PDB file of N, CA and C in Angstrom:
ATOM      1  N   MET A   1       7.053  -9.414 -42.252  1.00  0.00           N
ATOM      2  CA  MET A   1       5.765  -9.620 -41.550  1.00  0.00           C
ATOM      3  C   MET A   1       5.737  -8.313 -40.643  1.00  0.00           C
ATOM      4  N   THR A   2       6.671  -7.795 -39.935  1.00  0.00           N
ATOM      5  CA  THR A   2       6.473  -6.869 -39.080  1.00  0.00           C
ATOM      6  C   THR A   2       5.922  -5.506 -39.548  1.00  0.00           C
ATOM      7  N   VAL A   3       6.545  -5.260 -40.636  1.00  0.00           N
ATOM      8  CA  VAL A   3       6.268  -3.887 -41.474  1.00  0.00           C
ATOM      9  C   VAL A   3       4.662  -4.088 -41.751  1.00  0.00           C
ATOM     10  N   GLU A   4       4.165  -5.226 -42.310  1.00  0.00           N
ATOM     11  CA  GLU A   4       3.076  -5.312 -42.536  1.00  0.00           C
ATOM     12  C   GLU A   4       2.057  -5.542 -41.138  1.00  0.00           C
ATOM     13  N   GLY A   5       2.438  -5.798 -40.089  1.00  0.00           N
ATOM     14  CA  GLY A   5       1.699  -5.860 -38.935  1.00  0.00           C
ATOM     15  C   GLY A   5       1.716  -4.425 -38.377  1.00  0.00           C
ATOM     16  N   LEU A   6       2.809  -3.743 -38.588  1.00  0.00           N
ATOM     17  CA  LEU A   6       2.333  -2.322 -37.983  1.00  0.00           C
ATOM     18  C   LEU A   6       1.629  -1.467 -39.013  1.00  0.00           C
ATOM     19  N   ARG A   7       1.679  -1.665 -40.270  1.00  0.00           N
ATOM     20  CA  ARG A   7       0.888  -1.076 -41.079  1.00  0.00           C
ATOM     21  C   ARG A   7      -0.851  -1.368 -40.766  1.00  0.00           C
ATOM     22  N   SER A   8      -0.970  -2.620 -40.363  1.00  0.00           N
ATOM     23  CA  SER A   8      -2.378  -3.055 -40.244  1.00  0.00           C
ATOM     24  C   SER A   8      -2.749  -2.281 -38.833  1.00  0.00           C
ATOM     25  N   LEU A   9      -1.888  -1.852 -38.026  1.00  0.00           N
ATOM     26  CA  LEU A   9      -2.186  -1.277 -36.692  1.00  0.00           C
ATOM     27  C   LEU A   9      -2.415   0.322 -37.091  1.00  0.00           C
ATOM     28  N   GLY A  10      -2.121   0.559 -38.364  1.00  0.00           N
ATOM     29  CA  GLY A  10      -2.354   2.021 -38.790  1.00  0.00           C
ATOM     30  C   GLY A  10      -1.158   2.815 -38.678  1.00  0.00           C
ATOM     31  N   HIS A  11      -0.054   2.390 -38.571  1.00  0.00           N
ATOM     32  CA  HIS A  11       1.365   3.123 -38.472  1.00  0.00           C
ATOM     33  C   HIS A  11       1.936   3.281 -39.878  1.00  0.00           C
ATOM     34  N   ASP A  12       2.474   4.433 -40.152  1.00  0.00           N
ATOM     35  CA  ASP A  12       2.976   4.789 -41.587  1.00  0.00           C
ATOM     36  C   ASP A  12       4.401   4.308 -41.258  1.00  0.00           C
ATOM     37  N   VAL A  13       4.776   3.142 -41.728  1.00  0.00           N
ATOM     38  CA  VAL A  13       6.160   2.560 -41.692  1.00  0.00           C
ATOM     39  C   VAL A  13       6.941   2.767 -43.111  1.00  0.00           C
ATOM     40  N   LYS A  14       8.313   3.073 -42.826  1.00  0.00           N
ATOM     41  CA  LYS A  14       9.398   3.214 -43.943  1.00  0.00           C
ATOM     42  C   LYS A  14      10.340   2.240 -43.464  1.00  0.00           C
ATOM     43  N   ASP A  15      10.431   1.177 -44.315  1.00  0.00           N
ATOM     44  CA  ASP A  15      11.039  -0.008 -44.171  1.00  0.00           C
ATOM     45  C   ASP A  15      12.705   0.272 -45.006  1.00  0.00           C
ATOM     46  N   ILE A  16      13.791   0.484 -44.493  1.00  0.00           N
ATOM     47  CA  ILE A  16      14.862   0.716 -45.195  1.00  0.00           C
ATOM     48  C   ILE A  16      15.658  -0.271 -45.641  1.00  0.00           C
ATOM     49  N   ARG A  17      15.142  -1.617 -45.410  1.00  0.00           N
ATOM     50  CA  ARG A  17      15.967  -2.700 -46.087  1.00  0.00           C
ATOM     51  C   ARG A  17      15.747  -2.782 -47.537  1.00  0.00           C
ATOM     52  N   GLY A  18      16.584  -3.042 -48.203  1.00  0.00           N
ATOM     53  CA  GLY A  18      16.588  -3.073 -49.642  1.00  0.00           C
ATOM     54  C   GLY A  18      16.336  -1.409 -50.179  1.00  0.00           C
ATOM     55  N   ALA A  19      16.669  -0.650 -49.308  1.00  0.00           N
ATOM     56  CA  ALA A  19      16.522   0.791 -50.092  1.00  0.00           C
ATOM     57  C   ALA A  19      17.970   1.414 -50.152  1.00  0.00           C
ATOM     58  N   SER A  20      17.861   2.386 -50.583  1.00  0.00           N
ATOM     59  CA  SER A  20      19.066   3.379 -50.947  1.00  0.00           C
ATOM     60  C   SER A  20      19.841   3.559 -49.390  1.00  0.00           C
ATOM     61  N   ASP A  21      18.802   3.687 -48.300  1.00  0.00           N
ATOM     62  CA  ASP A  21      19.259   3.986 -47.025  1.00  0.00           C
ATOM     63  C   ASP A  21      19.747   2.921 -46.391  1.00  0.00           C
ATOM     64  N   GLN A  22      19.491   1.626 -46.956  1.00  0.00           N
ATOM     65  CA  GLN A  22      20.176   0.429 -45.988  1.00  0.00           C
ATOM     66  C   GLN A  22      21.587   0.524 -46.184  1.00  0.00           C
ATOM     67  N   GLY A  23      22.103   0.238 -44.662  1.00  0.00           N
ATOM     68  CA  GLY A  23      23.665   0.383 -44.662  1.00  0.00           C
ATOM     69  C   GLY A  23      24.141   1.631 -44.171  1.00  0.00           C
ATOM     70  N   ALA A  24      23.299   2.826 -44.224  1.00  0.00           N
ATOM     71  CA  ALA A  24      23.476   4.174 -43.760  1.00  0.00           C
ATOM     72  C   ALA A  24      24.216   3.924 -42.491  1.00  0.00           C
ATOM     73  N   ALA A  25      25.085   5.101 -42.111  1.00  0.00           N
ATOM     74  CA  ALA A  25      25.629   5.166 -40.883  1.00  0.00           C
ATOM     75  C   ALA A  25      24.575   5.801 -39.681  1.00  0.00           C
ATOM     76  N   ASP A  26      24.621   4.983 -38.634  1.00  0.00           N
ATOM     77  CA  ASP A  26      23.537   5.285 -37.738  1.00  0.00           C
ATOM     78  C   ASP A  26      23.406   6.957 -37.476  1.00  0.00           C
ATOM     79  N   ALA A  27      24.213   7.703 -37.652  1.00  0.00           N
ATOM     80  CA  ALA A  27      23.893   9.206 -37.597  1.00  0.00           C
ATOM     81  C   ALA A  27      23.087   9.411 -38.574  1.00  0.00           C
ATOM     82  N   ASP A  28      23.314   9.001 -39.932  1.00  0.00           N
ATOM     83  CA  ASP A  28      22.376   9.593 -41.025  1.00  0.00           C
ATOM     84  C   ASP A  28      20.933   8.955 -40.864  1.00  0.00           C
ATOM     85  N   LEU A  29      20.766   7.469 -40.419  1.00  0.00           N
ATOM     86  CA  LEU A  29      19.482   7.077 -40.075  1.00  0.00           C
ATOM     87  C   LEU A  29      18.873   7.837 -38.818  1.00  0.00           C
ATOM     88  N   TRP A  30      19.489   8.460 -37.924  1.00  0.00           N
ATOM     89  CA  TRP A  30      19.010   9.249 -36.904  1.00  0.00           C
ATOM     90  C   TRP A  30      18.390  10.491 -37.322  1.00  0.00           C
ATOM     91  N   ARG A  31      19.170  11.032 -38.355  1.00  0.00           N
ATOM     92  CA  ARG A  31      18.886  12.400 -38.868  1.00  0.00           C
ATOM     93  C   ARG A  31      17.419  12.189 -39.886  1.00  0.00           C
ATOM     94  N   LEU A  32      17.603  10.991 -40.412  1.00  0.00           N
ATOM     95  CA  LEU A  32      16.373  10.787 -41.221  1.00  0.00           C
ATOM     96  C   LEU A  32      15.048  10.624 -40.519  1.00  0.00           C
ATOM     97  N   ALA A  33      15.243   9.757 -39.541  1.00  0.00           N
ATOM     98  CA  ALA A  33      14.292   9.443 -38.346  1.00  0.00           C
ATOM     99  C   ALA A  33      13.529  10.861 -38.065  1.00  0.00           C
ATOM    100  N   LEU A  34      14.435  11.610 -37.476  1.00  0.00           N
ATOM    101  CA  LEU A  34      13.866  13.006 -36.869  1.00  0.00           C
ATOM    102  C   LEU A  34      13.369  13.852 -38.145  1.00  0.00           C
ATOM    103  N   ALA A  35      14.115  14.012 -39.381  1.00  0.00           N
ATOM    104  CA  ALA A  35      13.526  14.773 -40.413  1.00  0.00           C
ATOM    105  C   ALA A  35      12.091  14.295 -40.608  1.00  0.00           C
ATOM    106  N   GLU A  36      11.918  13.022 -40.656  1.00  0.00           N
ATOM    107  CA  GLU A  36      10.440  12.507 -41.183  1.00  0.00           C
ATOM    108  C   GLU A  36       9.684  12.320 -40.036  1.00  0.00           C
ATOM    109  N   ARG A  37      10.079  12.666 -38.767  1.00  0.00           N
ATOM    110  CA  ARG A  37       9.000  12.547 -37.299  1.00  0.00           C
ATOM    111  C   ARG A  37       8.812  11.255 -37.225  1.00  0.00           C
ATOM    112  N   ARG A  38       9.704  10.132 -37.355  1.00  0.00           N
ATOM    113  CA  ARG A  38       9.368   8.801 -36.931  1.00  0.00           C
ATOM    114  C   ARG A  38      10.180   8.155 -36.040  1.00  0.00           C
ATOM    115  N   ALA A  39       9.459   7.095 -35.365  1.00  0.00           N
ATOM    116  CA  ALA A  39      10.087   6.365 -34.134  1.00  0.00           C
ATOM    117  C   ALA A  39      10.903   5.544 -35.041  1.00  0.00           C
ATOM    118  N   LEU A  40      12.126   4.983 -34.392  1.00  0.00           N
ATOM    119  CA  LEU A  40      13.048   4.163 -34.935  1.00  0.00           C
ATOM    120  C   LEU A  40      13.172   2.825 -34.472  1.00  0.00           C
ATOM    121  N   VAL A  41      12.750   1.802 -35.067  1.00  0.00           N
ATOM    122  CA  VAL A  41      12.697   0.459 -34.439  1.00  0.00           C
ATOM    123  C   VAL A  41      14.105  -0.172 -35.350  1.00  0.00           C
ATOM    124  N   THR A  42      14.917  -0.794 -34.259  1.00  0.00           N
ATOM    125  CA  THR A  42      16.150  -1.449 -34.533  1.00  0.00           C
ATOM    126  C   THR A  42      16.656  -2.606 -33.792  1.00  0.00           C
ATOM    127  N   THR A  43      17.491  -3.033 -34.025  1.00  0.00           N
ATOM    128  CA  THR A  43      18.177  -4.073 -33.253  1.00  0.00           C
ATOM    129  C   THR A  43      19.556  -3.702 -32.889  1.00  0.00           C
ATOM    130  N   ASP A  44      19.950  -2.492 -33.421  1.00  0.00           N
ATOM    131  CA  ASP A  44      21.496  -2.055 -32.981  1.00  0.00           C
ATOM    132  C   ASP A  44      21.351  -1.280 -31.688  1.00  0.00           C
ATOM    133  N   LYS A  45      21.844  -1.746 -30.711  1.00  0.00           N
ATOM    134  CA  LYS A  45      22.049  -1.028 -29.196  1.00  0.00           C
ATOM    135  C   LYS A  45      22.788   0.185 -29.314  1.00  0.00           C
ATOM    136  N   GLY A  46      23.273   0.509 -30.369  1.00  0.00           N
ATOM    137  CA  GLY A  46      24.102   1.920 -30.345  1.00  0.00           C
ATOM    138  C   GLY A  46      23.321   2.999 -30.601  1.00  0.00           C
ATOM    139  N   PHE A  47      21.997   2.739 -30.724  1.00  0.00           N
ATOM    140  CA  PHE A  47      20.966   4.096 -30.825  1.00  0.00           C
ATOM    141  C   PHE A  47      20.803   4.426 -29.283  1.00  0.00           C
ATOM    142  N   THR A  48      20.925   3.745 -28.285  1.00  0.00           N
ATOM    143  CA  THR A  48      20.894   4.118 -26.951  1.00  0.00           C
ATOM    144  C   THR A  48      21.507   5.323 -26.602  1.00  0.00           C
ATOM    145  N   GLU A  49      22.593   5.735 -27.618  1.00  0.00           N
ATOM    146  CA  GLU A  49      23.332   6.919 -27.274  1.00  0.00           C
ATOM    147  C   GLU A  49      22.636   8.232 -27.599  1.00  0.00           C
ATOM    148  N   TYR A  50      21.278   7.928 -28.083  1.00  0.00           N
ATOM    149  CA  TYR A  50      20.567   9.191 -28.400  1.00  0.00           C
ATOM    150  C   TYR A  50      19.243   9.102 -27.251  1.00  0.00           C
ATOM    151  N   ARG A  51      19.447   8.350 -26.257  1.00  0.00           N
ATOM    152  CA  ARG A  51      18.398   8.366 -25.233  1.00  0.00           C
ATOM    153  C   ARG A  51      17.871   9.866 -24.604  1.00  0.00           C
ATOM    154  N   SER A  52      19.226  10.563 -24.664  1.00  0.00           N
ATOM    155  CA  SER A  52      18.934  11.892 -23.996  1.00  0.00           C
ATOM    156  C   SER A  52      18.458  12.934 -24.872  1.00  0.00           C
ATOM    157  N   THR A  53      18.565  12.677 -26.077  1.00  0.00           N
ATOM    158  CA  THR A  53      18.353  13.566 -27.114  1.00  0.00           C
ATOM    159  C   THR A  53      16.667  13.635 -27.424  1.00  0.00           C
ATOM    160  N   PRO A  54      15.896  14.677 -27.513  1.00  0.00           N
ATOM    161  CA  PRO A  54      14.673  14.487 -28.070  1.00  0.00           C
ATOM    162  C   PRO A  54      14.581  13.974 -29.255  1.00  0.00           C
ATOM    163  N   HIS A  55      13.473  13.061 -29.364  1.00  0.00           N
ATOM    164  CA  HIS A  55      13.150  12.291 -30.460  1.00  0.00           C
ATOM    165  C   HIS A  55      11.688  11.944 -30.628  1.00  0.00           C
ATOM    166  N   TYR A  56      11.395  11.073 -31.799  1.00  0.00           N
ATOM    167  CA  TYR A  56      10.045  10.555 -31.986  1.00  0.00           C
ATOM    168  C   TYR A  56       9.690   9.022 -31.565  1.00  0.00           C
ATOM    169  N   GLY A  57      10.690   8.552 -30.846  1.00  0.00           N
ATOM    170  CA  GLY A  57      10.479   7.185 -30.140  1.00  0.00           C
ATOM    171  C   GLY A  57      11.711   6.283 -30.681  1.00  0.00           C
ATOM    172  N   ILE A  58      12.126   5.309 -29.902  1.00  0.00           N
ATOM    173  CA  ILE A  58      13.294   4.585 -30.236  1.00  0.00           C
ATOM    174  C   ILE A  58      12.808   3.250 -29.517  1.00  0.00           C
ATOM    175  N   LEU A  59      12.703   2.211 -30.438  1.00  0.00           N
ATOM    176  CA  LEU A  59      12.523   0.781 -29.811  1.00  0.00           C
ATOM    177  C   LEU A  59      13.802   0.049 -30.186  1.00  0.00           C
ATOM    178  N   ILE A  60      14.381  -0.578 -29.550  1.00  0.00           N
ATOM    179  CA  ILE A  60      15.695  -1.526 -29.515  1.00  0.00           C
ATOM    180  C   ILE A  60      15.098  -2.849 -28.964  1.00  0.00           C
ATOM    181  N   VAL A  61      15.099  -3.941 -30.117  1.00  0.00           N
ATOM    182  CA  VAL A  61      15.211  -5.236 -29.878  1.00  0.00           C
ATOM    183  C   VAL A  61      16.573  -6.059 -29.563  1.00  0.00           C
ATOM    184  N   ARG A  62      16.515  -6.456 -28.387  1.00  0.00           N
ATOM    185  CA  ARG A  62      17.917  -7.304 -28.061  1.00  0.00           C
ATOM    186  C   ARG A  62      17.591  -8.778 -27.543  1.00  0.00           C
ATOM    187  N   LEU A  63      17.313  -9.434 -28.585  1.00  0.00           N
ATOM    188  CA  LEU A  63      17.177 -10.648 -27.976  1.00  0.00           C
ATOM    189  C   LEU A  63      18.301 -11.752 -28.238  1.00  0.00           C
ATOM    190  N   ARG A  64      18.433 -12.775 -27.308  1.00  0.00           N
ATOM    191  CA  ARG A  64      19.623 -13.541 -27.210  1.00  0.00           C
ATOM    192  C   ARG A  64      19.899 -14.455 -28.535  1.00  0.00           C
ATOM    193  N   GLN A  65      18.957 -15.031 -28.927  1.00  0.00           N
ATOM    194  CA  GLN A  65      18.766 -15.761 -30.207  1.00  0.00           C
ATOM    195  C   GLN A  65      17.702 -15.155 -31.316  1.00  0.00           C
ATOM    196  N   PRO A  66      17.855 -14.013 -31.711  1.00  0.00           N
ATOM    197  CA  PRO A  66      16.794 -13.573 -32.552  1.00  0.00           C
ATOM    198  C   PRO A  66      16.620 -14.103 -33.856  1.00  0.00           C
ATOM    199  N   ASN A  67      15.500 -14.242 -34.199  1.00  0.00           N
ATOM    200  CA  ASN A  67      14.723 -14.609 -35.677  1.00  0.00           C
ATOM    201  C   ASN A  67      13.757 -13.755 -35.810  1.00  0.00           C
ATOM    202  N   ARG A  68      13.223 -13.936 -36.975  1.00  0.00           N
ATOM    203  CA  ARG A  68      12.413 -12.971 -37.625  1.00  0.00           C
ATOM    204  C   ARG A  68      11.257 -13.157 -36.737  1.00  0.00           C
ATOM    205  N   GLN A  69      10.546 -14.085 -36.390  1.00  0.00           N
ATOM    206  CA  GLN A  69       9.407 -14.340 -35.560  1.00  0.00           C
ATOM    207  C   GLN A  69       9.666 -13.597 -34.214  1.00  0.00           C
ATOM    208  N   LYS A  70      10.473 -13.902 -33.661  1.00  0.00           N
ATOM    209  CA  LYS A  70      10.817 -13.511 -32.179  1.00  0.00           C
ATOM    210  C   LYS A  70      10.910 -12.027 -32.215  1.00  0.00           C
ATOM    211  N   ILE A  71      11.600 -11.510 -33.259  1.00  0.00           N
ATOM    212  CA  ILE A  71      11.713  -9.786 -33.416  1.00  0.00           C
ATOM    213  C   ILE A  71      10.330  -9.279 -33.835  1.00  0.00           C
ATOM    214  N   HIS A  72       9.458  -9.824 -34.504  1.00  0.00           N
ATOM    215  CA  HIS A  72       8.288  -9.473 -34.771  1.00  0.00           C
ATOM    216  C   HIS A  72       7.249  -9.436 -33.716  1.00  0.00           C
ATOM    217  N   ASN A  73       7.313 -10.767 -32.903  1.00  0.00           N
ATOM    218  CA  ASN A  73       6.559 -10.754 -31.834  1.00  0.00           C
ATOM    219  C   ASN A  73       6.919  -9.448 -30.756  1.00  0.00           C
ATOM    220  N   SER A  74       8.148  -9.397 -30.427  1.00  0.00           N
ATOM    221  CA  SER A  74       8.703  -8.245 -29.751  1.00  0.00           C
ATOM    222  C   SER A  74       8.099  -6.908 -30.132  1.00  0.00           C
ATOM    223  N   VAL A  75       8.407  -6.626 -31.215  1.00  0.00           N
ATOM    224  CA  VAL A  75       8.080  -5.296 -32.103  1.00  0.00           C
ATOM    225  C   VAL A  75       6.328  -5.041 -31.671  1.00  0.00           C
ATOM    226  N   MET A  76       5.802  -6.141 -32.126  1.00  0.00           N
ATOM    227  CA  MET A  76       4.207  -6.033 -32.212  1.00  0.00           C
ATOM    228  C   MET A  76       3.844  -5.685 -30.769  1.00  0.00           C
ATOM    229  N   HIS A  77       4.475  -6.493 -29.856  1.00  0.00           N
ATOM    230  CA  HIS A  77       3.907  -6.438 -28.335  1.00  0.00           C
ATOM    231  C   HIS A  77       4.195  -4.840 -27.805  1.00  0.00           C
ATOM    232  N   VAL A  78       5.415  -4.441 -28.258  1.00  0.00           N
ATOM    233  CA  VAL A  78       5.453  -3.022 -27.593  1.00  0.00           C
ATOM    234  C   VAL A  78       4.805  -2.058 -28.118  1.00  0.00           C
ATOM    235  N   PHE A  79       4.399  -2.173 -29.663  1.00  0.00           N
ATOM    236  CA  PHE A  79       3.553  -1.352 -30.310  1.00  0.00           C
ATOM    237  C   PHE A  79       2.126  -1.368 -29.708  1.00  0.00           C
ATOM    238  N   GLU A  80       1.714  -2.548 -29.450  1.00  0.00           N
ATOM    239  CA  GLU A  80       0.573  -2.746 -28.912  1.00  0.00           C
ATOM    240  C   GLU A  80       0.465  -2.296 -27.316  1.00  0.00           C
ATOM    241  N   ARG A  81       1.481  -1.944 -26.712  1.00  0.00           N
ATOM    242  CA  ARG A  81       1.603  -1.492 -25.252  1.00  0.00           C
ATOM    243  C   ARG A  81       1.407  -0.151 -25.218  1.00  0.00           C
ATOM    244  N   PHE A  82       2.275   0.667 -25.872  1.00  0.00           N
ATOM    245  CA  PHE A  82       2.305   2.115 -26.183  1.00  0.00           C
ATOM    246  C   PHE A  82       1.568   2.666 -27.037  1.00  0.00           C
ATOM    247  N   SER A  83       0.765   3.590 -26.762  1.00  0.00           N
ATOM    248  CA  SER A  83      -0.094   4.426 -27.737  1.00  0.00           C
ATOM    249  C   SER A  83       0.904   5.438 -28.508  1.00  0.00           C
ATOM    250  N   GLU A  84       0.417   5.873 -29.722  1.00  0.00           N
ATOM    251  CA  GLU A  84       0.920   6.900 -30.611  1.00  0.00           C
ATOM    252  C   GLU A  84       1.438   8.104 -29.537  1.00  0.00           C
ATOM    253  N   GLU A  85       0.598   8.528 -28.828  1.00  0.00           N
ATOM    254  CA  GLU A  85       0.836   9.772 -28.043  1.00  0.00           C
ATOM    255  C   GLU A  85       2.061   9.648 -27.055  1.00  0.00           C
ATOM    256  N   GLU A  86       2.401   8.313 -26.710  1.00  0.00           N
ATOM    257  CA  GLU A  86       3.539   7.986 -25.866  1.00  0.00           C
ATOM    258  C   GLU A  86       4.804   7.700 -26.359  1.00  0.00           C
ATOM    259  N   TRP A  87       4.883   7.870 -27.556  1.00  0.00           N
ATOM    260  CA  TRP A  87       6.173   7.505 -28.416  1.00  0.00           C
ATOM    261  C   TRP A  87       7.294   8.811 -28.337  1.00  0.00           C
ATOM    262  N   PRO A  88       6.684   9.848 -28.362  1.00  0.00           N
ATOM    263  CA  PRO A  88       7.723  10.885 -28.697  1.00  0.00           C
ATOM    264  C   PRO A  88       8.687  10.806 -27.050  1.00  0.00           C
ATOM    265  N   ASN A  89       9.981  10.957 -27.490  1.00  0.00           N
ATOM    266  CA  ASN A  89      11.047  10.963 -26.432  1.00  0.00           C
ATOM    267  C   ASN A  89      10.967   9.552 -25.597  1.00  0.00           C
ATOM    268  N   LEU A  90      10.483   8.559 -26.100  1.00  0.00           N
ATOM    269  CA  LEU A  90      10.354   7.155 -25.209  1.00  0.00           C
ATOM    270  C   LEU A  90      11.446   6.271 -25.965  1.00  0.00           C
ATOM    271  N   LEU A  91      12.287   5.804 -24.967  1.00  0.00           N
ATOM    272  CA  LEU A  91      13.261   4.567 -25.525  1.00  0.00           C
ATOM    273  C   LEU A  91      12.839   3.228 -24.709  1.00  0.00           C
ATOM    274  N   VAL A  92      12.474   2.212 -25.596  1.00  0.00           N
ATOM    275  CA  VAL A  92      12.233   1.102 -25.139  1.00  0.00           C
ATOM    276  C   VAL A  92      13.244   0.060 -25.605  1.00  0.00           C
ATOM    277  N   VAL A  93      13.934  -0.644 -24.815  1.00  0.00           N
ATOM    278  CA  VAL A  93      14.780  -1.837 -25.022  1.00  0.00           C
ATOM    279  C   VAL A  93      13.807  -3.103 -24.489  1.00  0.00           C
ATOM    280  N   VAL A  94      13.803  -3.981 -25.531  1.00  0.00           N
ATOM    281  CA  VAL A  94      12.813  -5.214 -25.102  1.00  0.00           C
ATOM    282  C   VAL A  94      14.063  -6.299 -25.244  1.00  0.00           C
ATOM    283  N   ARG A  95      14.043  -7.145 -24.256  1.00  0.00           N
ATOM    284  CA  ARG A  95      14.742  -8.275 -23.956  1.00  0.00           C
ATOM    285  C   ARG A  95      13.819  -9.638 -24.163  1.00  0.00           C
ATOM    286  N   ASP A  96      14.489 -10.581 -24.155  1.00  0.00           N
ATOM    287  CA  ASP A  96      13.802 -11.863 -23.978  1.00  0.00           C
ATOM    288  C   ASP A  96      12.676 -12.016 -22.891  1.00  0.00           C
ATOM    289  N   THR A  97      12.959 -11.617 -21.632  1.00  0.00           N
ATOM    290  CA  THR A  97      12.055 -11.647 -20.709  1.00  0.00           C
ATOM    291  C   THR A  97      11.718 -10.211 -20.048  1.00  0.00           C
ATOM    292  N   THR A  98      12.388  -9.173 -20.443  1.00  0.00           N
ATOM    293  CA  THR A  98      12.347  -7.792 -19.743  1.00  0.00           C
ATOM    294  C   THR A  98      12.129  -6.836 -20.767  1.00  0.00           C
ATOM    295  N   MET A  99      11.427  -5.735 -20.332  1.00  0.00           N
ATOM    296  CA  MET A  99      11.466  -4.542 -21.243  1.00  0.00           C
ATOM    297  C   MET A  99      11.832  -3.245 -20.336  1.00  0.00           C
ATOM    298  N   SER A 100      12.911  -2.384 -20.591  1.00  0.00           N
ATOM    299  CA  SER A 100      13.093  -1.166 -19.812  1.00  0.00           C
ATOM    300  C   SER A 100      12.674   0.026 -20.784  1.00  0.00           C
ATOM    301  N   THR A 101      12.311   1.287 -20.095  1.00  0.00           N
ATOM    302  CA  THR A 101      12.090   2.268 -20.775  1.00  0.00           C
ATOM    303  C   THR A 101      12.831   3.516 -20.122  1.00  0.00           C
ATOM    304  N   SER A 102      12.799   4.488 -20.770  1.00  0.00           N
ATOM    305  CA  SER A 102      13.533   5.616 -20.285  1.00  0.00           C
ATOM    306  C   SER A 102      12.751   6.957 -21.082  1.00  0.00           C
ATOM    307  N   ARG A 103      13.094   8.280 -20.755  1.00  0.00           N
ATOM    308  CA  ARG A 103      12.241   9.177 -21.589  1.00  0.00           C
ATOM    309  C   ARG A 103      13.368  10.271 -21.629  1.00  0.00           C
ATOM    310  N   ALA A 104      13.687  11.022 -22.848  1.00  0.00           N
ATOM    311  CA  ALA A 104      14.309  11.907 -22.879  1.00  0.00           C
ATOM    312  C   ALA A 104      13.395  13.468 -22.610  1.00  0.00           C
ATOM    313  N   GLY A 105      13.860  14.477 -22.236  1.00  0.00           N
ATOM    314  CA  GLY A 105      13.162  15.731 -22.169  1.00  0.00           C
ATOM    315  C   GLY A 105      13.163  16.634 -23.260  1.00  0.00           C
ATOM    316  N   GLY A 106      12.215  17.374 -23.460  1.00  0.00           N
ATOM    317  CA  GLY A 106      12.297  18.448 -24.501  1.00  0.00           C
ATOM    318  C   GLY A 106      11.463  18.085 -25.719  1.00  0.00           C
ATOM    319  N   GLU A 107      11.378  18.860 -26.852  1.00  0.00           N
ATOM    320  CA  GLU A 107      10.645  18.721 -27.863  1.00  0.00           C
ATOM    321  C   GLU A 107      11.727  18.302 -29.075  1.00  0.00           C
ATOM    322  N   PRO A 108      11.209  16.931 -29.838  1.00  0.00           N
ATOM    323  CA  PRO A 108      11.868  16.534 -30.953  1.00  0.00           C
ATOM    324  C   PRO A 108      12.159  17.716 -31.904  1.00  0.00           C
ATOM    325  N   SER A 109      13.326  17.606 -32.765  1.00  0.00           N
ATOM    326  CA  SER A 109      13.220  18.552 -33.644  1.00  0.00           C
ATOM    327  C   SER A 109      14.378  18.043 -34.702  1.00  0.00           C
ATOM    328  N   SER A 110      14.058  18.525 -35.958  1.00  0.00           N
ATOM    329  CA  SER A 110      14.911  17.848 -37.151  1.00  0.00           C
ATOM    330  C   SER A 110      16.288  18.771 -37.578  1.00  0.00           C
ATOM    331  N   ASN A 111      16.387  19.542 -36.477  1.00  0.00           N
ATOM    332  CA  ASN A 111      17.731  20.550 -36.711  1.00  0.00           C
ATOM    333  C   ASN A 111      18.987  19.698 -36.620  1.00  0.00           C
TER     334      ASN A 111
END
């Protein structure tokens, strides 16, 4: 439902669930997101390690008792909050009642 919701907002979404990239190492997913100039949406807090590296956006959903509906609501809220122009180098961590943001410097690169 989240993929369809983001697409309905006009976003070009690549869903790796059920694809050959599912289960790939974080570093491989990171390289893929950079190469395809995509924001990364995940529940994996390990991607905070890339917060200082130039990127196209990272959204990490960290809920105490996550389920599909709660994750969907969180993702949709964040994507409605930030415009497409704001995503490069933006890291958003959304929790049950809080949202934190930080910004990397520099230009994203797929190198």
